[in-house]
């Protein structure tokens, strides 16, 4: 089982491109920047907030 990131840390992390808050996706173990269409990986409990490490996706219109 992969540990959940500290809620205090999640509360202060933002997307390095948009400067908007990130959403934690526990299933994919990613921090998601919906507006930017990027999902940043979490490796060994450490968020990798580099655009070149992020996975691109098409944001939904929710």
N, C-alpha and C. Protein backbone atom coordinates (compact mmCIF):
# COMPACT_ATOMS: atom_id res chain seq x y z
N UNK A 1 0.84 -1.19 0.00
CA UNK A 1 0.00 0.00 0.00
C UNK A 1 0.88 1.25 0.00
N UNK A 2 0.57 2.18 -0.87
CA UNK A 2 1.32 3.41 -0.98
C UNK A 2 0.80 4.43 0.01
N UNK A 3 1.69 5.08 0.76
CA UNK A 3 1.23 6.07 1.73
C UNK A 3 0.58 7.29 1.08
N UNK A 4 -0.42 7.84 1.74
CA UNK A 4 -1.08 9.05 1.27
C UNK A 4 -0.21 10.25 1.63
N UNK A 5 -0.04 11.19 0.70
CA UNK A 5 0.74 12.39 1.03
C UNK A 5 0.11 13.16 2.19
N UNK A 6 0.93 13.84 2.92
CA UNK A 6 0.49 14.64 4.06
C UNK A 6 -0.52 15.69 3.60
N UNK A 7 -1.71 15.75 4.22
CA UNK A 7 -2.72 16.74 3.83
C UNK A 7 -2.22 18.18 3.91
N UNK A 8 -1.34 18.48 4.86
CA UNK A 8 -0.78 19.84 4.97
C UNK A 8 0.07 20.17 3.75
N UNK A 9 0.81 19.18 3.27
CA UNK A 9 1.62 19.38 2.07
C UNK A 9 0.72 19.58 0.86
N UNK A 10 -0.31 18.75 0.74
CA UNK A 10 -1.24 18.88 -0.39
C UNK A 10 -1.92 20.24 -0.42
N UNK A 11 -2.16 20.81 0.75
CA UNK A 11 -2.85 22.09 0.84
C UNK A 11 -2.01 23.25 0.30
N UNK A 12 -0.69 23.09 0.28
CA UNK A 12 0.15 24.21 -0.16
C UNK A 12 0.76 24.01 -1.55
N UNK A 13 0.71 22.79 -2.08
CA UNK A 13 1.28 22.55 -3.40
C UNK A 13 0.41 23.13 -4.50
N UNK A 14 1.04 23.72 -5.49
CA UNK A 14 0.34 24.27 -6.65
C UNK A 14 1.04 23.82 -7.92
N UNK A 15 0.33 23.88 -9.02
CA UNK A 15 0.91 23.56 -10.32
C UNK A 15 1.99 24.61 -10.64
N UNK A 16 3.18 24.18 -11.03
CA UNK A 16 4.23 25.16 -11.32
C UNK A 16 3.94 26.02 -12.56
N UNK A 17 3.03 25.58 -13.40
CA UNK A 17 2.69 26.35 -14.60
C UNK A 17 1.55 27.33 -14.38
N UNK A 18 0.48 26.86 -13.75
CA UNK A 18 -0.70 27.71 -13.57
C UNK A 18 -0.77 28.39 -12.21
N UNK A 19 -0.02 27.87 -11.25
CA UNK A 19 -0.03 28.35 -9.86
C UNK A 19 -1.39 28.11 -9.19
N UNK A 20 -2.16 27.15 -9.71
CA UNK A 20 -3.45 26.78 -9.12
C UNK A 20 -3.28 25.51 -8.28
N UNK A 21 -4.16 25.30 -7.30
CA UNK A 21 -4.05 24.10 -6.45
C UNK A 21 -4.14 22.81 -7.27
N UNK A 22 -3.51 21.79 -6.72
CA UNK A 22 -3.50 20.47 -7.35
C UNK A 22 -4.49 19.56 -6.65
N UNK A 23 -5.03 18.61 -7.41
CA UNK A 23 -5.97 17.61 -6.87
C UNK A 23 -5.22 16.28 -6.78
N UNK A 24 -5.35 15.61 -5.64
CA UNK A 24 -4.68 14.32 -5.44
C UNK A 24 -5.54 13.20 -5.98
N UNK A 25 -4.98 12.39 -6.87
CA UNK A 25 -5.65 11.20 -7.40
C UNK A 25 -4.98 9.99 -6.75
N UNK A 26 -5.65 9.41 -5.75
CA UNK A 26 -5.07 8.32 -4.97
C UNK A 26 -4.90 7.06 -5.81
N UNK A 27 -5.79 6.82 -6.74
CA UNK A 27 -5.71 5.60 -7.56
C UNK A 27 -4.49 5.65 -8.48
N UNK A 28 -4.29 6.76 -9.15
CA UNK A 28 -3.17 6.89 -10.08
C UNK A 28 -1.89 7.35 -9.40
N UNK A 29 -1.98 7.74 -8.12
CA UNK A 29 -0.82 8.28 -7.39
C UNK A 29 -0.22 9.47 -8.13
N UNK A 30 -1.10 10.44 -8.42
CA UNK A 30 -0.68 11.64 -9.14
C UNK A 30 -1.30 12.88 -8.50
N UNK A 31 -0.66 14.00 -8.73
CA UNK A 31 -1.23 15.30 -8.40
C UNK A 31 -1.69 15.91 -9.72
N UNK A 32 -2.96 16.23 -9.80
CA UNK A 32 -3.58 16.62 -11.06
C UNK A 32 -3.82 18.12 -11.11
N UNK A 33 -3.38 18.72 -12.21
CA UNK A 33 -3.65 20.12 -12.51
C UNK A 33 -4.70 20.12 -13.63
N UNK A 34 -5.96 20.17 -13.24
CA UNK A 34 -7.05 20.04 -14.22
C UNK A 34 -6.99 21.11 -15.30
N UNK A 35 -6.80 22.34 -14.93
CA UNK A 35 -6.80 23.43 -15.91
C UNK A 35 -5.65 23.30 -16.90
N UNK A 36 -4.49 22.84 -16.43
CA UNK A 36 -3.32 22.70 -17.31
C UNK A 36 -3.36 21.40 -18.11
N UNK A 37 -4.18 20.44 -17.68
CA UNK A 37 -4.22 19.15 -18.36
C UNK A 37 -2.97 18.33 -18.10
N UNK A 38 -2.42 18.46 -16.88
CA UNK A 38 -1.21 17.75 -16.51
C UNK A 38 -1.43 16.97 -15.23
N UNK A 39 -0.79 15.80 -15.15
CA UNK A 39 -0.83 14.99 -13.94
C UNK A 39 0.62 14.71 -13.54
N UNK A 40 0.99 15.21 -12.38
CA UNK A 40 2.36 15.06 -11.89
C UNK A 40 2.48 13.79 -11.07
N UNK A 41 3.50 12.97 -11.33
CA UNK A 41 3.63 11.70 -10.60
C UNK A 41 4.12 11.92 -9.17
N UNK A 42 3.82 10.92 -8.35
CA UNK A 42 4.37 10.87 -6.99
C UNK A 42 5.22 9.60 -6.96
N UNK A 43 6.52 9.78 -6.76
CA UNK A 43 7.45 8.64 -6.75
C UNK A 43 8.05 8.49 -5.37
N UNK A 44 7.89 7.32 -4.78
CA UNK A 44 8.40 7.04 -3.44
C UNK A 44 7.96 8.10 -2.44
N UNK A 45 6.71 8.56 -2.60
CA UNK A 45 6.15 9.55 -1.69
C UNK A 45 6.52 10.98 -1.98
N UNK A 46 7.29 11.22 -3.03
CA UNK A 46 7.76 12.57 -3.36
C UNK A 46 7.07 13.06 -4.63
N UNK A 47 6.33 14.19 -4.56
CA UNK A 47 5.71 14.75 -5.76
C UNK A 47 6.78 15.28 -6.71
N UNK A 48 6.68 14.91 -7.97
CA UNK A 48 7.62 15.38 -8.99
C UNK A 48 6.91 16.48 -9.79
N UNK A 49 7.14 17.72 -9.39
CA UNK A 49 6.42 18.85 -9.98
C UNK A 49 7.23 19.50 -11.11
N UNK A 50 7.59 18.69 -12.07
CA UNK A 50 8.30 19.15 -13.25
C UNK A 50 7.41 18.90 -14.47
N UNK A 51 7.24 19.91 -15.30
CA UNK A 51 6.38 19.77 -16.47
C UNK A 51 6.83 18.62 -17.36
N UNK A 52 8.14 18.42 -17.48
CA UNK A 52 8.63 17.34 -18.34
C UNK A 52 8.37 15.95 -17.76
N UNK A 53 8.09 15.86 -16.47
CA UNK A 53 7.77 14.57 -15.84
C UNK A 53 6.26 14.31 -15.83
N UNK A 54 5.47 15.33 -16.13
CA UNK A 54 4.01 15.22 -16.04
C UNK A 54 3.43 14.47 -17.24
N UNK A 55 2.30 13.84 -16.97
CA UNK A 55 1.53 13.16 -18.03
C UNK A 55 0.46 14.13 -18.50
N UNK A 56 0.33 14.30 -19.81
CA UNK A 56 -0.71 15.18 -20.36
C UNK A 56 -2.02 14.41 -20.50
N UNK A 57 -3.12 15.13 -20.32
CA UNK A 57 -4.46 14.56 -20.55
C UNK A 57 -5.38 15.68 -20.99
N UNK A 58 -6.51 15.30 -21.57
CA UNK A 58 -7.49 16.28 -22.01
C UNK A 58 -8.42 16.57 -20.83
N UNK A 59 -8.40 17.82 -20.34
CA UNK A 59 -9.26 18.16 -19.20
C UNK A 59 -10.73 18.05 -19.56
N UNK A 60 -11.52 17.62 -18.59
CA UNK A 60 -12.98 17.56 -18.80
C UNK A 60 -13.58 18.93 -18.53
N UNK A 61 -14.78 19.15 -18.99
CA UNK A 61 -15.45 20.44 -18.83
C UNK A 61 -16.34 20.47 -17.59
N UNK A 62 -16.05 19.66 -16.58
CA UNK A 62 -16.89 19.62 -15.37
C UNK A 62 -16.85 20.90 -14.60
